[in-house]
C-alpha atoms as a PDB file:
ATOM      1  CA  MET A   1     -29.338 -72.423  34.461  1.00  0.00           C
ATOM      2  CA  PHE A   2     -29.788 -69.395  36.393  1.00  0.00           C
ATOM      3  CA  LYS A   3     -32.710 -69.349  38.765  1.00  0.00           C
ATOM      4  CA  GLN A   4     -34.001 -66.600  40.875  1.00  0.00           C
ATOM      5  CA  GLU A   5     -35.718 -67.736  44.257  1.00  0.00           C
ATOM      6  CA  GLN A   6     -38.779 -66.128  45.523  1.00  0.00           C
ATOM      7  CA  THR A   7     -37.879 -63.809  48.406  1.00  0.00           C
ATOM      8  CA  PHE A   8     -39.784 -63.751  51.711  1.00  0.00           C
ATOM      9  CA  MET A   9     -41.294 -60.262  50.966  1.00  0.00           C
ATOM     10  CA  ASP A  10     -42.603 -61.248  47.675  1.00  0.00           C
ATOM     11  CA  PHE A  11     -43.914 -64.412  49.152  1.00  0.00           C
ATOM     12  CA  LEU A  12     -45.778 -62.404  51.974  1.00  0.00           C
ATOM     13  CA  LEU A  13     -47.048 -59.798  49.427  1.00  0.00           C
ATOM     14  CA  GLU A  14     -48.775 -62.538  47.567  1.00  0.00           C
ATOM     15  CA  HIS A  15     -50.185 -63.972  50.890  1.00  0.00           C
ATOM     16  CA  GLN A  16     -51.588 -60.648  51.732  1.00  0.00           C
ATOM     17  CA  GLU A  17     -53.009 -59.967  48.273  1.00  0.00           C
ATOM     18  CA  ARG A  18     -54.386 -63.477  47.960  1.00  0.00           C
ATOM     19  CA  HIS A  19     -56.258 -62.904  51.228  1.00  0.00           C
ATOM     20  CA  LYS A  20     -57.283 -59.233  50.416  1.00  0.00           C
ATOM     21  CA  ARG A  21     -55.467 -57.862  53.395  1.00  0.00           C
ATOM     22  CA  SER A  22     -53.618 -54.551  53.976  1.00  0.00           C
ATOM     23  CA  TYR A  23     -49.923 -53.961  53.748  1.00  0.00           C
ATOM     24  CA  HIS A  24     -49.599 -53.025  57.454  1.00  0.00           C
ATOM     25  CA  PHE A  25     -48.191 -56.509  58.299  1.00  0.00           C
ATOM     26  CA  LEU A  26     -45.743 -56.176  55.370  1.00  0.00           C
ATOM     27  CA  ILE A  27     -44.285 -53.072  56.976  1.00  0.00           C
ATOM     28  CA  LEU A  28     -43.998 -54.596  60.312  1.00  0.00           C
ATOM     29  CA  MET A  29     -42.359 -57.855  58.959  1.00  0.00           C
ATOM     30  CA  ASN A  30     -40.085 -55.635  57.008  1.00  0.00           C
ATOM     31  CA  SER A  31     -38.802 -53.999  60.310  1.00  0.00           C
ATOM     32  CA  ILE A  32     -38.448 -57.273  61.892  1.00  0.00           C
ATOM     33  CA  LEU A  33     -36.338 -58.572  58.931  1.00  0.00           C
ATOM     34  CA  ASN A  34     -34.116 -55.408  59.153  1.00  0.00           C
ATOM     35  CA  ALA A  35     -33.482 -56.118  62.848  1.00  0.00           C
ATOM     36  CA  ALA A  36     -32.650 -59.850  62.203  1.00  0.00           C
ATOM     37  CA  LYS A  37     -30.083 -58.987  59.441  1.00  0.00           C
ATOM     38  CA  ARG A  38     -28.501 -56.433  61.606  1.00  0.00           C
ATOM     39  CA  ILE A  39     -28.200 -59.070  64.551  1.00  0.00           C
ATOM     40  CA  GLN A  40     -26.842 -61.505  61.942  1.00  0.00           C
ATOM     41  CA  PHE A  41     -23.941 -59.024  60.950  1.00  0.00           C
ATOM     42  CA  TYR A  42     -23.107 -57.907  64.784  1.00  0.00           C
ATOM     43  CA  TYR A  43     -23.076 -61.601  65.826  1.00  0.00           C
ATOM     44  CA  SER A  44     -20.976 -62.773  62.776  1.00  0.00           C
ATOM     45  CA  THR A  45     -18.388 -60.039  63.615  1.00  0.00           C
ATOM     46  CA  GLY A  46     -18.813 -59.970  67.392  1.00  0.00           C
ATOM     47  CA  ALA A  47     -15.650 -61.774  68.070  1.00  0.00           C
ATOM     48  CA  LEU A  48     -13.575 -59.329  66.061  1.00  0.00           C
ATOM     49  CA  ARG A  49     -15.049 -56.359  67.958  1.00  0.00           C
ATOM     50  CA  GLY A  50     -15.103 -58.075  71.371  1.00  0.00           C
ATOM     51  CA  ASP A  51     -18.912 -57.997  71.680  1.00  0.00           C
ATOM     52  CA  LEU A  52     -19.351 -61.525  72.765  1.00  0.00           C
ATOM     53  CA  GLY A  53     -18.652 -60.991  76.502  1.00  0.00           C
ATOM     54  CA  LEU A  54     -20.535 -59.855  79.499  1.00  0.00           C
ATOM     55  CA  THR A  55     -21.640 -56.216  80.220  1.00  0.00           C
ATOM     56  CA  GLY A  56     -21.627 -56.669  83.965  1.00  0.00           C
ATOM     57  CA  SER A  57     -25.186 -55.960  84.548  1.00  0.00           C
ATOM     58  CA  VAL A  58     -28.177 -58.328  85.277  1.00  0.00           C
ATOM     59  CA  ASN A  59     -31.604 -58.215  83.368  1.00  0.00           C
ATOM     60  CA  ILE A  60     -35.138 -58.481  84.698  1.00  0.00           C
ATOM     61  CA  GLN A  61     -34.756 -62.294  84.578  1.00  0.00           C
ATOM     62  CA  GLY A  62     -31.870 -62.237  86.960  1.00  0.00           C
ATOM     63  CA  GLU A  63     -29.606 -63.384  84.122  1.00  0.00           C
ATOM     64  CA  ASP A  64     -26.049 -61.746  83.321  1.00  0.00           C
ATOM     65  CA  VAL A  65     -26.370 -59.622  80.236  1.00  0.00           C
ATOM     66  CA  LEU A  66     -24.074 -59.948  77.300  1.00  0.00           C
ATOM     67  CA  HIS A  67     -22.988 -57.222  75.023  1.00  0.00           C
ATOM     68  CA  MET A  68     -24.930 -59.146  72.168  1.00  0.00           C
ATOM     69  CA  ASP A  69     -27.882 -59.275  74.487  1.00  0.00           C
ATOM     70  CA  MET A  70     -27.998 -55.364  74.618  1.00  0.00           C
ATOM     71  CA  ILE A  71     -27.126 -54.787  71.066  1.00  0.00           C
ATOM     72  CA  ALA A  72     -29.901 -57.210  69.752  1.00  0.00           C
ATOM     73  CA  ASN A  73     -32.386 -55.762  72.015  1.00  0.00           C
ATOM     74  CA  GLU A  74     -31.792 -52.307  70.880  1.00  0.00           C
ATOM     75  CA  LEU A  75     -31.888 -53.225  67.216  1.00  0.00           C
ATOM     76  CA  VAL A  76     -35.176 -54.854  67.649  1.00  0.00           C
ATOM     77  CA  LYS A  77     -36.742 -52.250  69.731  1.00  0.00           C
ATOM     78  CA  HIS A  78     -35.758 -49.620  67.377  1.00  0.00           C
ATOM     79  CA  SER A  79     -36.902 -51.359  64.284  1.00  0.00           C
ATOM     80  CA  LEU A  80     -40.197 -52.127  65.733  1.00  0.00           C
ATOM     81  CA  ALA A  81     -40.710 -48.486  66.799  1.00  0.00           C
ATOM     82  CA  ARG A  82     -39.726 -47.071  63.559  1.00  0.00           C
ATOM     83  CA  SER A  83     -42.247 -49.240  61.752  1.00  0.00           C
ATOM     84  CA  GLY A  84     -45.005 -47.146  63.414  1.00  0.00           C
ATOM     85  CA  ARG A  85     -47.265 -50.370  63.507  1.00  0.00           C
ATOM     86  CA  VAL A  86     -46.613 -51.710  66.986  1.00  0.00           C
ATOM     87  CA  VAL A  87     -48.991 -50.855  69.804  1.00  0.00           C
ATOM     88  CA  HIS A  88     -46.866 -52.568  72.573  1.00  0.00           C
ATOM     89  CA  ALA A  89     -43.911 -54.824  72.672  1.00  0.00           C
ATOM     90  CA  VAL A  90     -42.648 -57.238  75.221  1.00  0.00           C
ATOM     91  CA  GLY A  91     -39.010 -58.097  75.169  1.00  0.00           C
ATOM     92  CA  GLU A  92     -36.955 -60.378  77.235  1.00  0.00           C
ATOM     93  CA  GLU A  93     -34.501 -57.626  78.255  1.00  0.00           C
ATOM     94  CA  GLU A  94     -37.271 -55.038  79.103  1.00  0.00           C
ATOM     95  CA  GLU A  95     -38.742 -55.117  82.604  1.00  0.00           C
ATOM     96  CA  GLU A  96     -41.896 -53.326  81.543  1.00  0.00           C
ATOM     97  CA  VAL A  97     -44.166 -53.454  78.539  1.00  0.00           C
ATOM     98  CA  ILE A  98     -42.728 -51.156  75.865  1.00  0.00           C
ATOM     99  CA  VAL A  99     -45.249 -48.607  74.760  1.00  0.00           C
ATOM    100  CA  MET A 100     -44.819 -47.583  71.126  1.00  0.00           C
ATOM    101  CA  ASN A 101     -47.875 -46.235  69.090  1.00  0.00           C
ATOM    102  CA  GLU A 102     -51.030 -46.673  71.124  1.00  0.00           C
ATOM    103  CA  GLU A 103     -53.080 -44.553  68.823  1.00  0.00           C
ATOM    104  CA  GLY A 104     -51.940 -45.714  65.222  1.00  0.00           C
ATOM    105  CA  GLY A 105     -50.387 -49.038  65.890  1.00  0.00           C
ATOM    106  CA  ARG A 106     -52.158 -52.288  64.837  1.00  0.00           C
ATOM    107  CA  TYR A 107     -50.034 -55.151  66.490  1.00  0.00           C
ATOM    108  CA  PHE A 108     -48.570 -56.359  69.676  1.00  0.00           C
ATOM    109  CA  VAL A 109     -45.162 -58.057  69.446  1.00  0.00           C
ATOM    110  CA  TYR A 110     -43.465 -60.253  71.907  1.00  0.00           C
ATOM    111  CA  TYR A 111     -39.892 -60.914  71.259  1.00  0.00           C
ATOM    112  CA  ASP A 112     -36.682 -62.721  72.422  1.00  0.00           C
ATOM    113  CA  PRO A 113     -33.921 -60.929  70.679  1.00  0.00           C
ATOM    114  CA  MET A 114     -31.192 -63.450  71.669  1.00  0.00           C
ATOM    115  CA  ASP A 115     -32.314 -66.834  72.596  1.00  0.00           C
ATOM    116  CA  GLY A 116     -29.501 -69.280  73.843  1.00  0.00           C
ATOM    117  CA  SER A 117     -27.239 -66.718  75.186  1.00  0.00           C
ATOM    118  CA  SER A 118     -24.979 -69.284  76.758  1.00  0.00           C
ATOM    119  CA  ASN A 119     -23.927 -70.214  73.063  1.00  0.00           C
ATOM    120  CA  VAL A 120     -22.693 -66.526  72.432  1.00  0.00           C
ATOM    121  CA  PRO A 121     -19.350 -66.690  73.776  1.00  0.00           C
ATOM    122  CA  HIS A 122     -18.502 -69.721  71.715  1.00  0.00           C
ATOM    123  CA  ASN A 123     -20.109 -68.469  68.343  1.00  0.00           C
ATOM    124  CA  LEU A 124     -22.509 -71.288  68.263  1.00  0.00           C
ATOM    125  CA  PRO A 125     -26.291 -70.784  66.990  1.00  0.00           C
ATOM    126  CA  ILE A 126     -28.570 -68.628  68.809  1.00  0.00           C
ATOM    127  CA  GLY A 127     -32.135 -67.478  67.874  1.00  0.00           C
ATOM    128  CA  PHE A 128     -34.373 -64.300  67.575  1.00  0.00           C
ATOM    129  CA  LEU A 129     -37.886 -65.375  68.357  1.00  0.00           C
ATOM    130  CA  PHE A 130     -41.058 -63.335  67.926  1.00  0.00           C
ATOM    131  CA  GLY A 131     -44.831 -63.632  68.083  1.00  0.00           C
ATOM    132  CA  VAL A 132     -47.394 -61.110  66.689  1.00  0.00           C
ATOM    133  CA  ALA A 133     -50.975 -60.506  67.576  1.00  0.00           C
ATOM    134  CA  LYS A 134     -53.456 -57.935  66.157  1.00  0.00           C
ATOM    135  CA  ARG A 135     -55.182 -55.240  68.244  1.00  0.00           C
ATOM    136  CA  ASN A 136     -58.928 -55.091  68.316  1.00  0.00           C
ATOM    137  CA  LEU A 137     -59.773 -52.824  65.340  1.00  0.00           C
ATOM    138  CA  GLU A 138     -63.662 -53.033  65.647  1.00  0.00           C
ATOM    139  CA  GLY A 139     -64.192 -52.035  69.366  1.00  0.00           C
ATOM    140  CA  LYS A 140     -62.141 -50.712  72.228  1.00  0.00           C
ATOM    141  CA  GLU A 141     -58.860 -52.310  72.909  1.00  0.00           C
ATOM    142  CA  ASP A 142     -58.018 -53.197  76.693  1.00  0.00           C
ATOM    143  CA  MET A 143     -54.261 -53.912  75.786  1.00  0.00           C
ATOM    144  CA  HIS A 144     -54.489 -57.333  77.402  1.00  0.00           C
ATOM    145  CA  LEU A 145     -51.375 -59.698  77.028  1.00  0.00           C
ATOM    146  CA  ARG A 146     -52.318 -62.221  74.279  1.00  0.00           C
ATOM    147  CA  ALA A 147     -52.496 -65.965  74.571  1.00  0.00           C
ATOM    148  CA  GLY A 148     -50.682 -67.941  71.773  1.00  0.00           C
ATOM    149  CA  ARG A 149     -54.118 -68.937  70.255  1.00  0.00           C
ATOM    150  CA  GLU A 150     -54.474 -65.066  69.363  1.00  0.00           C
ATOM    151  CA  TYR A 151     -51.198 -64.850  67.547  1.00  0.00           C
ATOM    152  CA  ILE A 152     -51.457 -64.166  63.733  1.00  0.00           C
ATOM    153  CA  ALA A 153     -47.920 -65.046  63.157  1.00  0.00           C
ATOM    154  CA  ALA A 154     -44.943 -66.334  65.023  1.00  0.00           C
ATOM    155  CA  GLY A 155     -41.126 -66.951  63.783  1.00  0.00           C
ATOM    156  CA  MET A 156     -37.702 -67.362  64.531  1.00  0.00           C
ATOM    157  CA  PHE A 157     -34.301 -66.678  62.883  1.00  0.00           C
ATOM    158  CA  VAL A 158     -31.396 -69.026  63.724  1.00  0.00           C
ATOM    159  CA  ILE A 159     -28.198 -66.818  63.697  1.00  0.00           C
ATOM    160  CA  PRO A 160     -25.787 -67.122  62.132  1.00  0.00           C
ATOM    161  CA  THR A 161     -26.872 -70.115  60.114  1.00  0.00           C
ATOM    162  CA  GLY A 162     -29.063 -67.839  58.172  1.00  0.00           C
ATOM    163  CA  THR A 163     -32.455 -69.643  58.257  1.00  0.00           C
ATOM    164  CA  PHE A 164     -35.726 -67.967  58.984  1.00  0.00           C
ATOM    165  CA  THR A 165     -39.049 -69.931  59.868  1.00  0.00           C
ATOM    166  CA  ILE A 166     -42.414 -68.153  60.061  1.00  0.00           C
ATOM    167  CA  ALA A 167     -45.791 -69.597  60.676  1.00  0.00           C
ATOM    168  CA  LEU A 168     -48.965 -67.640  59.593  1.00  0.00           C
ATOM    169  CA  HIS A 169     -52.275 -68.260  61.271  1.00  0.00           C
ATOM    170  CA  ASN A 170     -54.057 -71.132  59.217  1.00  0.00           C
ATOM    171  CA  ALA A 171     -51.556 -70.720  56.408  1.00  0.00           C
ATOM    172  CA  GLY A 172     -48.709 -73.089  57.250  1.00  0.00           C
ATOM    173  CA  CYS A 173     -45.177 -72.898  58.457  1.00  0.00           C
ATOM    174  CA  TRP A 174     -42.496 -71.809  56.142  1.00  0.00           C
ATOM    175  CA  ARG A 175     -38.642 -71.844  56.181  1.00  0.00           C
ATOM    176  CA  PHE A 176     -36.519 -69.283  54.130  1.00  0.00           C
ATOM    177  CA  HIS A 177     -32.665 -69.249  53.713  1.00  0.00           C
ATOM    178  CA  LEU A 178     -30.258 -66.237  53.653  1.00  0.00           C
ATOM    179  CA  ASP A 179     -28.807 -65.917  50.098  1.00  0.00           C
ATOM    180  CA  GLU A 180     -25.649 -63.999  49.009  1.00  0.00           C
ATOM    181  CA  THR A 181     -27.742 -60.706  48.576  1.00  0.00           C
ATOM    182  CA  PHE A 182     -28.715 -60.857  52.273  1.00  0.00           C
ATOM    183  CA  ASN A 183     -32.483 -61.704  51.301  1.00  0.00           C
ATOM    184  CA  TYR A 184     -34.306 -64.599  52.894  1.00  0.00           C
ATOM    185  CA  VAL A 185     -35.447 -66.776  49.850  1.00  0.00           C
ATOM    186  CA  LYS A 186     -36.739 -70.109  48.793  1.00  0.00           C
ATOM    187  CA  PRO A 187     -39.936 -70.685  50.752  1.00  0.00           C
ATOM    188  CA  THR A 188     -40.236 -74.218  51.997  1.00  0.00           C
ATOM    189  CA  ASN A 189     -43.481 -75.551  53.680  1.00  0.00           C
ATOM    190  CA  MET A 190     -42.565 -77.257  56.959  1.00  0.00           C
ATOM    191  CA  VAL A 191     -44.600 -80.222  57.922  1.00  0.00           C
ATOM    192  CA  LEU A 192     -43.524 -82.585  60.900  1.00  0.00           C
ATOM    193  CA  PRO A 193     -42.826 -85.939  59.306  1.00  0.00           C
ATOM    194  CA  ASP A 194     -45.139 -88.873  60.212  1.00  0.00           C
ATOM    195  CA  SER A 195     -42.349 -91.576  60.096  1.00  0.00           C
ATOM    196  CA  ARG A 196     -40.602 -92.139  63.318  1.00  0.00           C
ATOM    197  CA  LYS A 197     -37.403 -92.916  61.767  1.00  0.00           C
ATOM    198  CA  THR A 198     -36.125 -89.491  61.825  1.00  0.00           C
ATOM    199  CA  TRP A 199     -37.737 -88.504  65.250  1.00  0.00           C
ATOM    200  CA  GLU A 200     -35.402 -87.040  67.798  1.00  0.00           C
ATOM    201  CA  LEU A 201     -35.468 -86.324  71.557  1.00  0.00           C
ATOM    202  CA  SER A 202     -34.161 -82.919  72.745  1.00  0.00           C
ATOM    203  CA  PHE A 203     -33.749 -81.878  76.390  1.00  0.00           C
ATOM    204  CA  ASN A 204     -31.110 -81.001  78.778  1.00  0.00           C
ATOM    205  CA  SER A 205     -30.090 -84.520  80.047  1.00  0.00           C
ATOM    206  CA  ALA A 206     -28.017 -83.211  82.861  1.00  0.00           C
ATOM    207  CA  ASN A 207     -31.404 -82.209  84.544  1.00  0.00           C
ATOM    208  CA  ARG A 208     -33.278 -85.379  84.089  1.00  0.00           C
ATOM    209  CA  GLY A 209     -32.915 -86.271  87.715  1.00  0.00           C
ATOM    210  CA  THR A 210     -34.658 -82.975  88.765  1.00  0.00           C
ATOM    211  CA  TYR A 211     -37.827 -83.751  86.769  1.00  0.00           C
ATOM    212  CA  ALA A 212     -41.142 -85.197  88.173  1.00  0.00           C
ATOM    213  CA  LEU A 213     -40.785 -89.019  88.627  1.00  0.00           C
ATOM    214  CA  PRO A 214     -43.333 -89.872  85.802  1.00  0.00           C
ATOM    215  CA  ILE A 215     -41.366 -87.782  83.356  1.00  0.00           C
ATOM    216  CA  GLN A 216     -38.067 -89.507  84.522  1.00  0.00           C
ATOM    217  CA  LYS A 217     -39.904 -92.833  84.009  1.00  0.00           C
ATOM    218  CA  TRP A 218     -41.104 -91.901  80.473  1.00  0.00           C
ATOM    219  CA  ILE A 219     -37.514 -90.760  79.497  1.00  0.00           C
ATOM    220  CA  ALA A 220     -36.072 -94.063  80.719  1.00  0.00           C
ATOM    221  CA  GLU A 221     -38.588 -96.153  78.723  1.00  0.00           C
ATOM    222  CA  ASN A 222     -38.477 -94.048  75.594  1.00  0.00           C
ATOM    223  CA  GLU A 223     -35.074 -92.338  74.979  1.00  0.00           C
ATOM    224  CA  ARG A 224     -33.422 -95.363  73.122  1.00  0.00           C
ATOM    225  CA  LYS A 225     -36.231 -95.215  70.558  1.00  0.00           C
ATOM    226  CA  TYR A 226     -35.051 -91.926  68.952  1.00  0.00           C
ATOM    227  CA  ALA A 227     -31.858 -90.018  68.238  1.00  0.00           C
ATOM    228  CA  PHE A 228     -30.861 -87.609  71.009  1.00  0.00           C
ATOM    229  CA  ARG A 229     -29.876 -83.927  70.188  1.00  0.00           C
ATOM    230  CA  TYR A 230     -29.524 -80.844  72.315  1.00  0.00           C
ATOM    231  CA  LEU A 231     -28.024 -77.553  71.144  1.00  0.00           C
ATOM    232  CA  GLY A 232     -28.919 -75.515  74.353  1.00  0.00           C
ATOM    233  CA  ALA A 233     -30.821 -72.787  72.299  1.00  0.00           C
ATOM    234  CA  LEU A 234     -34.546 -73.189  71.906  1.00  0.00           C
ATOM    235  CA  ALA A 235     -34.572 -71.840  68.408  1.00  0.00           C
ATOM    236  CA  GLY A 236     -31.819 -74.268  67.209  1.00  0.00           C
ATOM    237  CA  ASP A 237     -33.254 -77.262  68.975  1.00  0.00           C
ATOM    238  CA  PHE A 238     -36.764 -76.485  67.687  1.00  0.00           C
ATOM    239  CA  HIS A 239     -35.366 -75.964  64.193  1.00  0.00           C
ATOM    240  CA  ARG A 240     -34.249 -79.599  64.190  1.00  0.00           C
ATOM    241  CA  ILE A 241     -37.462 -80.871  65.434  1.00  0.00           C
ATOM    242  CA  LEU A 242     -39.468 -79.212  62.724  1.00  0.00           C
ATOM    243  CA  THR A 243     -37.216 -80.926  60.069  1.00  0.00           C
ATOM    244  CA  ASN A 244     -36.975 -84.332  61.778  1.00  0.00           C
ATOM    245  CA  GLY A 245     -39.805 -84.577  64.096  1.00  0.00           C
ATOM    246  CA  GLY A 246     -40.034 -85.823  67.546  1.00  0.00           C
ATOM    247  CA  LEU A 247     -39.963 -83.898  71.015  1.00  0.00           C
ATOM    248  CA  PHE A 248     -38.284 -80.850  72.672  1.00  0.00           C
ATOM    249  CA  MET A 249     -39.064 -80.682  76.296  1.00  0.00           C
ATOM    250  CA  TYR A 250     -37.876 -78.473  78.981  1.00  0.00           C
ATOM    251  CA  PRO A 251     -39.783 -79.809  82.125  1.00  0.00           C
ATOM    252  CA  ALA A 252     -40.367 -78.243  85.363  1.00  0.00           C
ATOM    253  CA  ILE A 253     -37.538 -78.747  87.861  1.00  0.00           C
ATOM    254  CA  ILE A 254     -38.812 -79.933  91.300  1.00  0.00           C
ATOM    255  CA  ASN A 255     -36.199 -82.315  92.544  1.00  0.00           C
ATOM    256  CA  HIS A 256     -33.085 -80.343  92.478  1.00  0.00           C
ATOM    257  CA  PRO A 257     -30.633 -81.131  95.314  1.00  0.00           C
ATOM    258  CA  ASP A 258     -30.493 -77.422  95.971  1.00  0.00           C
ATOM    259  CA  PRO A 259     -34.219 -76.429  96.519  1.00  0.00           C
ATOM    260  CA  LYS A 260     -33.309 -72.852  95.499  1.00  0.00           C
ATOM    261  CA  LYS A 261     -32.725 -74.132  91.976  1.00  0.00           C
ATOM    262  CA  ASN A 262     -36.081 -75.758  91.592  1.00  0.00           C
ATOM    263  CA  ARG A 263     -38.410 -74.094  88.896  1.00  0.00           C
ATOM    264  CA  PRO A 264     -41.925 -75.694  89.523  1.00  0.00           C
ATOM    265  CA  GLN A 265     -43.416 -73.334  86.991  1.00  0.00           C
ATOM    266  CA  GLY A 266     -40.799 -74.175  84.307  1.00  0.00           C
ATOM    267  CA  LYS A 267     -37.984 -71.971  82.911  1.00  0.00           C
ATOM    268  CA  LEU A 268     -38.925 -70.808  79.559  1.00  0.00           C
ATOM    269  CA  ARG A 269     -40.888 -67.584  79.042  1.00  0.00           C
ATOM    270  CA  LEU A 270     -44.417 -68.136  77.954  1.00  0.00           C
ATOM    271  CA  MET A 271     -45.126 -65.346  75.516  1.00  0.00           C
ATOM    272  CA  TYR A 272     -41.786 -64.958  73.457  1.00  0.00           C
ATOM    273  CA  GLU A 273     -40.325 -68.446  73.659  1.00  0.00           C
ATOM    274  CA  ALA A 274     -42.974 -71.157  74.365  1.00  0.00           C
ATOM    275  CA  ALA A 275     -45.997 -69.739  72.701  1.00  0.00           C
ATOM    276  CA  VAL A 276     -43.815 -68.747  69.601  1.00  0.00           C
ATOM    277  CA  VAL A 277     -42.652 -72.465  68.800  1.00  0.00           C
ATOM    278  CA  SER A 278     -45.939 -73.896  69.766  1.00  0.00           C
ATOM    279  CA  PHE A 279     -47.630 -71.769  67.365  1.00  0.00           C
ATOM    280  CA  MET A 280     -45.126 -72.643  64.569  1.00  0.00           C
ATOM    281  CA  CYS A 281     -45.445 -76.388  65.759  1.00  0.00           C
ATOM    282  CA  ARG A 282     -49.244 -76.294  65.369  1.00  0.00           C
ATOM    283  CA  GLU A 283     -49.062 -74.779  61.828  1.00  0.00           C
ATOM    284  CA  ALA A 284     -46.554 -77.722  60.969  1.00  0.00           C
ATOM    285  CA  GLY A 285     -49.038 -80.257  62.336  1.00  0.00           C
ATOM    286  CA  GLY A 286     -47.645 -80.623  65.755  1.00  0.00           C
ATOM    287  CA  HIS A 287     -48.780 -79.796  69.404  1.00  0.00           C
ATOM    288  CA  ALA A 288     -47.344 -78.420  72.557  1.00  0.00           C
ATOM    289  CA  VAL A 289     -48.351 -78.610  76.291  1.00  0.00           C
ATOM    290  CA  ASP A 290     -46.992 -77.266  79.723  1.00  0.00           C
ATOM    291  CA  GLU A 291     -46.342 -79.414  82.870  1.00  0.00           C
ATOM    292  CA  ASP A 292     -49.979 -79.879  83.430  1.00  0.00           C
ATOM    293  CA  GLY A 293     -50.806 -81.092  80.069  1.00  0.00           C
ATOM    294  CA  THR A 294     -52.499 -77.834  79.187  1.00  0.00           C
ATOM    295  CA  PRO A 295     -52.035 -76.668  75.558  1.00  0.00           C
ATOM    296  CA  ILE A 296     -49.457 -73.865  75.587  1.00  0.00           C
ATOM    297  CA  LEU A 297     -51.483 -71.846  73.125  1.00  0.00           C
ATOM    298  CA  ASP A 298     -54.513 -71.771  75.540  1.00  0.00           C
ATOM    299  CA  ILE A 299     -52.435 -70.274  78.433  1.00  0.00           C
ATOM    300  CA  VAL A 300     -53.605 -66.685  79.089  1.00  0.00           C
ATOM    301  CA  PRO A 301     -50.552 -64.710  80.336  1.00  0.00           C
ATOM    302  CA  GLN A 302     -50.921 -62.856  83.607  1.00  0.00           C
ATOM    303  CA  LYS A 303     -47.570 -61.053  83.287  1.00  0.00           C
ATOM    304  CA  PRO A 304     -45.017 -60.225  80.620  1.00  0.00           C
ATOM    305  CA  HIS A 305     -42.387 -62.533  81.736  1.00  0.00           C
ATOM    306  CA  GLN A 306     -44.368 -65.488  82.829  1.00  0.00           C
ATOM    307  CA  ARG A 307     -42.531 -68.855  82.782  1.00  0.00           C
ATOM    308  CA  THR A 308     -43.742 -72.268  81.747  1.00  0.00           C
ATOM    309  CA  ALA A 309     -42.527 -75.779  81.261  1.00  0.00           C
ATOM    310  CA  LEU A 310     -42.663 -76.898  77.617  1.00  0.00           C
ATOM    311  CA  TYR A 311     -43.243 -80.170  75.672  1.00  0.00           C
ATOM    312  CA  VAL A 312     -43.417 -79.383  71.857  1.00  0.00           C
ATOM    313  CA  GLY A 313     -43.136 -81.544  68.771  1.00  0.00           C
ATOM    314  CA  SER A 314     -44.838 -84.385  66.911  1.00  0.00           C
ATOM    315  CA  LYS A 315     -48.400 -84.753  68.017  1.00  0.00           C
ATOM    316  CA  PRO A 316     -48.362 -88.368  68.891  1.00  0.00           C
ATOM    317  CA  LEU A 317     -45.419 -87.959  71.431  1.00  0.00           C
ATOM    318  CA  VAL A 318     -46.840 -84.641  72.861  1.00  0.00           C
ATOM    319  CA  ASP A 319     -50.230 -86.387  73.435  1.00  0.00           C
ATOM    320  CA  GLU A 320     -48.654 -89.287  74.935  1.00  0.00           C
ATOM    321  CA  ILE A 321     -46.662 -87.299  77.433  1.00  0.00           C
ATOM    322  CA  GLY A 322     -49.448 -84.839  77.899  1.00  0.00           C
ATOM    323  CA  LYS A 323     -51.790 -87.742  79.159  1.00  0.00           C
ATOM    324  CA  ILE A 324     -49.025 -88.695  81.669  1.00  0.00           C
ATOM    325  CA  LEU A 325     -48.804 -85.159  82.805  1.00  0.00           C
ATOM    326  CA  ARG A 326     -52.420 -84.727  83.242  1.00  0.00           C
ATOM    327  CA  GLU A 327     -52.566 -87.866  85.374  1.00  0.00           C
ATOM    328  CA  LYS A 328     -49.648 -86.928  87.557  1.00  0.00           C
END
């Protein structure tokens, strides 16, 4: 029997009307969806056009810029600006905060247009991550950078696999799939499983000797209890954790043989990587902490591209390793 699945926009429209909210958020999300679909197209056809290589330039993070990094960033930036609903945006490829509509905008958007760039030359999955916070509509807005606990929504697209997962504040975490009409459909409520039978560990095993000794010890004692999976793209790895449960971690690097490669503050960006997946994880029943055991969502950013370590996933595992981190 022919069945028409509910689209994401219909799902969101019902959500806004049920809570008697305005349509401004729908307009913003429509712009984000348009950008994601275009990134999906350019990435899927990138090998044919020769767009999967390097541009020869370096971004604010000190990383080599790929053609797809540049394309994805321009697509997202253009779509957000066209929505008219964004006050400021922070993007991985942009050195400064992007001023868009300080007078009429309602939202702050923090985004990584192409997470997992090392996968691009191989056409492996990458991600587009974003977090959304609302401006102060009742008093003067000071334009401060928002902590994850102030986000009203956060989401990620896994490209080119065609999945979109979004968490709404106090309204759960939901996954959608791209259909043949290029619409994201079939909302599925994502809840981290309680059973440890499916739980996975995800981390860069090549770095294990560079972690703090208590973390190395915990890994040695626990890694055989769970399946090990690591894709090398936060969006893809966290996508699996949301389904199967377990723990994704990117600890601080403090014991590298080359001291210049140590990252005592961690490597992942707080606002548009760590806080995004931490917000989604919380809405799915999980938790996330940094290298000190501090909840990621409680960290107030001091600068747009602030970095952090990240431990995110099923609450029992995060609580267990968080206790170790606080003690060390």
